[in-house]
Structure formats: structure tokens, C-alpha cells
Amino acid sequence: MDAEDALVGEHGDALYCVYAEAHASLPGHEAWAGVAWSLRDDGSGAGLFVEHEGPSHEQVATDLIHSLEDLSASRGGIYHPSGRLITGITCDSLPVCAVVVATFRRAGWEAIADGH
């Protein structure tokens, strides 16, 4: 992700996100995690997120594509893929974890306390 795409906030803000995590603890096993999103065609900024985990990049990538296609189809096909992030790691000896976090909103605590 580029720095200009980062969601900027203040210390202590509430951060809304979608995440995927995968673990591997046996040597030679892989952990892959991914998040993908689609945006509505009307320019409103509304969208869909999906997350998947699995033992290979290919499986996670395929699962993300199929999930977004299914979600969009069930909503009239008005959403189109906009991005995805996938990461993975191989266990050499100690347990490992792959994590992807996609943030989509932040709010200051004042807004949360006021019910917004």
C-alpha cells in the first residue's frame, strides 16, 4: 500500500478494520492471509470486504476472488473489485503468523461518545 492510501488519524482514535490471520507451526508449512475489497459503481465509496486464510497464495487468491464475485452477484452486480492484499510466511522451526489488516474508517472518541 502506498502512504497516500493510508488512513490517517490521531492517537487514541477508534479504527474500524477487516483482518485475516493464518498460522503455521510445523516446519515447511505455510500460512497465507488476504483481504480484498470491491467498491460500488455509483461513486458513493460504499463497498464490500472479504477475508480468507489458507495454506497457499493460490488458494487465498482464488477464495478472495470467488467471495467477492458471489457477494457482488447477490447484490445486483453493482460492485467491482478495487484491491487486495495477500501475505504469507513459511514455518522454518518456530510457529509463524501471517496478518493482513485493511482499515476503512476511523473515529475520534468524541464522535463515538456522541453516538456517531
C-alpha atoms as a PDB file:
ATOM      1  CA  MET A   1       0.000   0.000   0.000  1.00  0.00           C
ATOM      2  CA  ASP A   2       1.205   3.483  -0.770  1.00  0.00           C
ATOM      3  CA  ALA A   3       1.495   6.063   2.000  1.00  0.00           C
ATOM      4  CA  GLU A   4      -1.089   8.314   0.327  1.00  0.00           C
ATOM      5  CA  ASP A   5      -3.631   5.475   0.635  1.00  0.00           C
ATOM      6  CA  ALA A   6      -3.135   5.161   4.399  1.00  0.00           C
ATOM      7  CA  LEU A   7      -5.989   6.089   6.711  1.00  0.00           C
ATOM      8  CA  VAL A   8      -4.664   8.945   8.836  1.00  0.00           C
ATOM      9  CA  GLY A   9      -5.920   9.614  12.341  1.00  0.00           C
ATOM     10  CA  GLU A  10      -4.939  10.727  15.801  1.00  0.00           C
ATOM     11  CA  HIS A  11      -3.548   8.802  18.753  1.00  0.00           C
ATOM     12  CA  GLY A  12      -6.412   7.072  20.548  1.00  0.00           C
ATOM     13  CA  ASP A  13      -8.855   7.081  17.629  1.00  0.00           C
ATOM     14  CA  ALA A  14     -11.080   4.061  17.114  1.00  0.00           C
ATOM     15  CA  LEU A  15     -10.067   2.231  13.947  1.00  0.00           C
ATOM     16  CA  TYR A  16     -12.511   0.088  12.002  1.00  0.00           C
ATOM     17  CA  CYS A  17     -10.879  -2.695  10.037  1.00  0.00           C
ATOM     18  CA  VAL A  18     -11.159  -6.105   8.451  1.00  0.00           C
ATOM     19  CA  TYR A  19      -8.331  -8.566   9.011  1.00  0.00           C
ATOM     20  CA  ALA A  20      -7.187 -12.031   8.087  1.00  0.00           C
ATOM     21  CA  GLU A  21      -4.729 -14.139  10.056  1.00  0.00           C
ATOM     22  CA  ALA A  22      -3.186 -17.518   9.381  1.00  0.00           C
ATOM     23  CA  HIS A  23      -0.852 -19.644  11.489  1.00  0.00           C
ATOM     24  CA  ALA A  24       1.643 -22.421  10.802  1.00  0.00           C
ATOM     25  CA  SER A  25       3.567 -24.347  13.439  1.00  0.00           C
ATOM     26  CA  LEU A  26       5.047 -27.290  11.547  1.00  0.00           C
ATOM     27  CA  PRO A  27       8.339 -26.844   9.668  1.00  0.00           C
ATOM     28  CA  GLY A  28       7.730 -26.485   5.939  1.00  0.00           C
ATOM     29  CA  HIS A  29       4.082 -25.488   6.323  1.00  0.00           C
ATOM     30  CA  GLU A  30       2.907 -22.120   5.034  1.00  0.00           C
ATOM     31  CA  ALA A  31       0.456 -19.568   6.419  1.00  0.00           C
ATOM     32  CA  TRP A  32      -1.268 -17.194   3.979  1.00  0.00           C
ATOM     33  CA  ALA A  33      -3.765 -14.427   4.747  1.00  0.00           C
ATOM     34  CA  GLY A  34      -5.562 -11.978   2.497  1.00  0.00           C
ATOM     35  CA  VAL A  35      -8.161  -9.237   2.356  1.00  0.00           C
ATOM     36  CA  ALA A  36      -9.897  -7.996  -0.805  1.00  0.00           C
ATOM     37  CA  TRP A  37     -12.467  -5.300  -1.430  1.00  0.00           C
ATOM     38  CA  SER A  38     -14.921  -4.068  -4.036  1.00  0.00           C
ATOM     39  CA  LEU A  39     -16.475  -0.639  -4.453  1.00  0.00           C
ATOM     40  CA  ARG A  40     -19.988   0.209  -5.587  1.00  0.00           C
ATOM     41  CA  ASP A  41     -20.233   1.625  -9.113  1.00  0.00           C
ATOM     42  CA  ASP A  42     -22.120   4.760  -8.035  1.00  0.00           C
ATOM     43  CA  GLY A  43     -19.062   6.543  -6.603  1.00  0.00           C
ATOM     44  CA  SER A  44     -20.522   6.611  -3.079  1.00  0.00           C
ATOM     45  CA  GLY A  45     -17.479   4.917  -1.572  1.00  0.00           C
ATOM     46  CA  ALA A  46     -19.644   2.041  -0.297  1.00  0.00           C
ATOM     47  CA  GLY A  47     -18.021  -1.329  -0.633  1.00  0.00           C
ATOM     48  CA  LEU A  48     -17.564  -4.926   0.352  1.00  0.00           C
ATOM     49  CA  PHE A  49     -14.689  -6.608   2.200  1.00  0.00           C
ATOM     50  CA  VAL A  50     -13.774 -10.294   2.283  1.00  0.00           C
ATOM     51  CA  GLU A  51     -11.016 -12.104   4.157  1.00  0.00           C
ATOM     52  CA  HIS A  52      -9.536 -15.557   3.752  1.00  0.00           C
ATOM     53  CA  GLU A  53      -6.732 -17.671   5.147  1.00  0.00           C
ATOM     54  CA  GLY A  54      -5.126 -20.791   3.769  1.00  0.00           C
ATOM     55  CA  PRO A  55      -2.020 -22.905   3.176  1.00  0.00           C
ATOM     56  CA  SER A  56      -1.078 -21.297  -0.177  1.00  0.00           C
ATOM     57  CA  HIS A  57      -1.128 -17.984  -2.029  1.00  0.00           C
ATOM     58  CA  GLU A  58      -3.141 -19.569  -4.833  1.00  0.00           C
ATOM     59  CA  GLN A  59      -5.889 -20.819  -2.523  1.00  0.00           C
ATOM     60  CA  VAL A  60      -6.263 -17.490  -0.731  1.00  0.00           C
ATOM     61  CA  ALA A  61      -6.264 -15.525  -4.014  1.00  0.00           C
ATOM     62  CA  THR A  62      -8.899 -17.823  -5.530  1.00  0.00           C
ATOM     63  CA  ASP A  63     -11.079 -17.726  -2.404  1.00  0.00           C
ATOM     64  CA  LEU A  64     -10.941 -13.915  -2.322  1.00  0.00           C
ATOM     65  CA  ILE A  65     -11.971 -13.644  -5.986  1.00  0.00           C
ATOM     66  CA  HIS A  66     -14.860 -16.095  -5.619  1.00  0.00           C
ATOM     67  CA  SER A  67     -16.144 -14.472  -2.423  1.00  0.00           C
ATOM     68  CA  LEU A  68     -16.200 -11.002  -3.985  1.00  0.00           C
ATOM     69  CA  GLU A  69     -17.893 -12.352  -7.119  1.00  0.00           C
ATOM     70  CA  ASP A  70     -20.570 -14.105  -5.036  1.00  0.00           C
ATOM     71  CA  LEU A  71     -21.204 -11.078  -2.815  1.00  0.00           C
ATOM     72  CA  SER A  72     -21.450  -8.743  -5.794  1.00  0.00           C
ATOM     73  CA  ALA A  73     -23.756 -11.091  -7.715  1.00  0.00           C
ATOM     74  CA  SER A  74     -26.121 -11.360  -4.745  1.00  0.00           C
ATOM     75  CA  ARG A  75     -26.298  -7.545  -4.632  1.00  0.00           C
ATOM     76  CA  GLY A  76     -27.131  -6.982  -8.283  1.00  0.00           C
ATOM     77  CA  GLY A  77     -23.575  -6.900  -9.634  1.00  0.00           C
ATOM     78  CA  ILE A  78     -23.056  -3.224  -8.777  1.00  0.00           C
ATOM     79  CA  TYR A  79     -19.723  -3.784  -7.002  1.00  0.00           C
ATOM     80  CA  HIS A  80     -16.403  -4.212  -8.805  1.00  0.00           C
ATOM     81  CA  PRO A  81     -13.051  -5.386  -7.383  1.00  0.00           C
ATOM     82  CA  SER A  82     -10.901  -2.495  -6.230  1.00  0.00           C
ATOM     83  CA  GLY A  83      -7.940  -4.082  -4.451  1.00  0.00           C
ATOM     84  CA  ARG A  84      -6.467  -6.870  -2.400  1.00  0.00           C
ATOM     85  CA  LEU A  85      -3.547  -7.590  -0.094  1.00  0.00           C
ATOM     86  CA  ILE A  86      -2.128 -11.071   0.465  1.00  0.00           C
ATOM     87  CA  THR A  87       0.846 -12.074   2.591  1.00  0.00           C
ATOM     88  CA  GLY A  88       2.395 -15.357   3.583  1.00  0.00           C
ATOM     89  CA  ILE A  89       5.199 -16.946   5.542  1.00  0.00           C
ATOM     90  CA  THR A  90       6.773 -20.396   5.819  1.00  0.00           C
ATOM     91  CA  CYS A  91       7.428 -22.033   9.170  1.00  0.00           C
ATOM     92  CA  ASP A  92      11.113 -22.951   9.477  1.00  0.00           C
ATOM     93  CA  SER A  93      11.201 -24.007  13.126  1.00  0.00           C
ATOM     94  CA  LEU A  94       9.174 -21.717  15.399  1.00  0.00           C
ATOM     95  CA  PRO A  95       5.444 -21.025  14.838  1.00  0.00           C
ATOM     96  CA  VAL A  96       4.633 -18.165  12.440  1.00  0.00           C
ATOM     97  CA  CYS A  97       1.657 -15.937  11.700  1.00  0.00           C
ATOM     98  CA  ALA A  98       0.626 -14.005   8.576  1.00  0.00           C
ATOM     99  CA  VAL A  99      -1.650 -10.991   9.157  1.00  0.00           C
ATOM    100  CA  VAL A 100      -3.300  -8.537   6.765  1.00  0.00           C
ATOM    101  CA  VAL A 101      -5.284  -5.565   8.081  1.00  0.00           C
ATOM    102  CA  ALA A 102      -7.411  -3.276   5.911  1.00  0.00           C
ATOM    103  CA  THR A 103      -8.742  -0.169   7.623  1.00  0.00           C
ATOM    104  CA  PHE A 104     -11.850   1.512   6.291  1.00  0.00           C
ATOM    105  CA  ARG A 105     -12.876   4.096   8.879  1.00  0.00           C
ATOM    106  CA  ARG A 106     -11.561   5.912  11.898  1.00  0.00           C
ATOM    107  CA  ALA A 107     -13.396   7.940  14.501  1.00  0.00           C
ATOM    108  CA  GLY A 108     -12.266  10.137  17.355  1.00  0.00           C
ATOM    109  CA  TRP A 109     -13.525   9.144  20.787  1.00  0.00           C
ATOM    110  CA  GLU A 110     -15.634  12.303  20.963  1.00  0.00           C
ATOM    111  CA  ALA A 111     -17.664  11.154  17.951  1.00  0.00           C
ATOM    112  CA  ILE A 112     -18.067   7.684  19.454  1.00  0.00           C
ATOM    113  CA  ALA A 113     -19.209   9.106  22.798  1.00  0.00           C
ATOM    114  CA  ASP A 114     -21.745  11.275  20.943  1.00  0.00           C
ATOM    115  CA  GLY A 115     -23.085   8.210  19.127  1.00  0.00           C
ATOM    116  CA  HIS A 116     -21.649   8.973  15.668  1.00  0.00           C
END
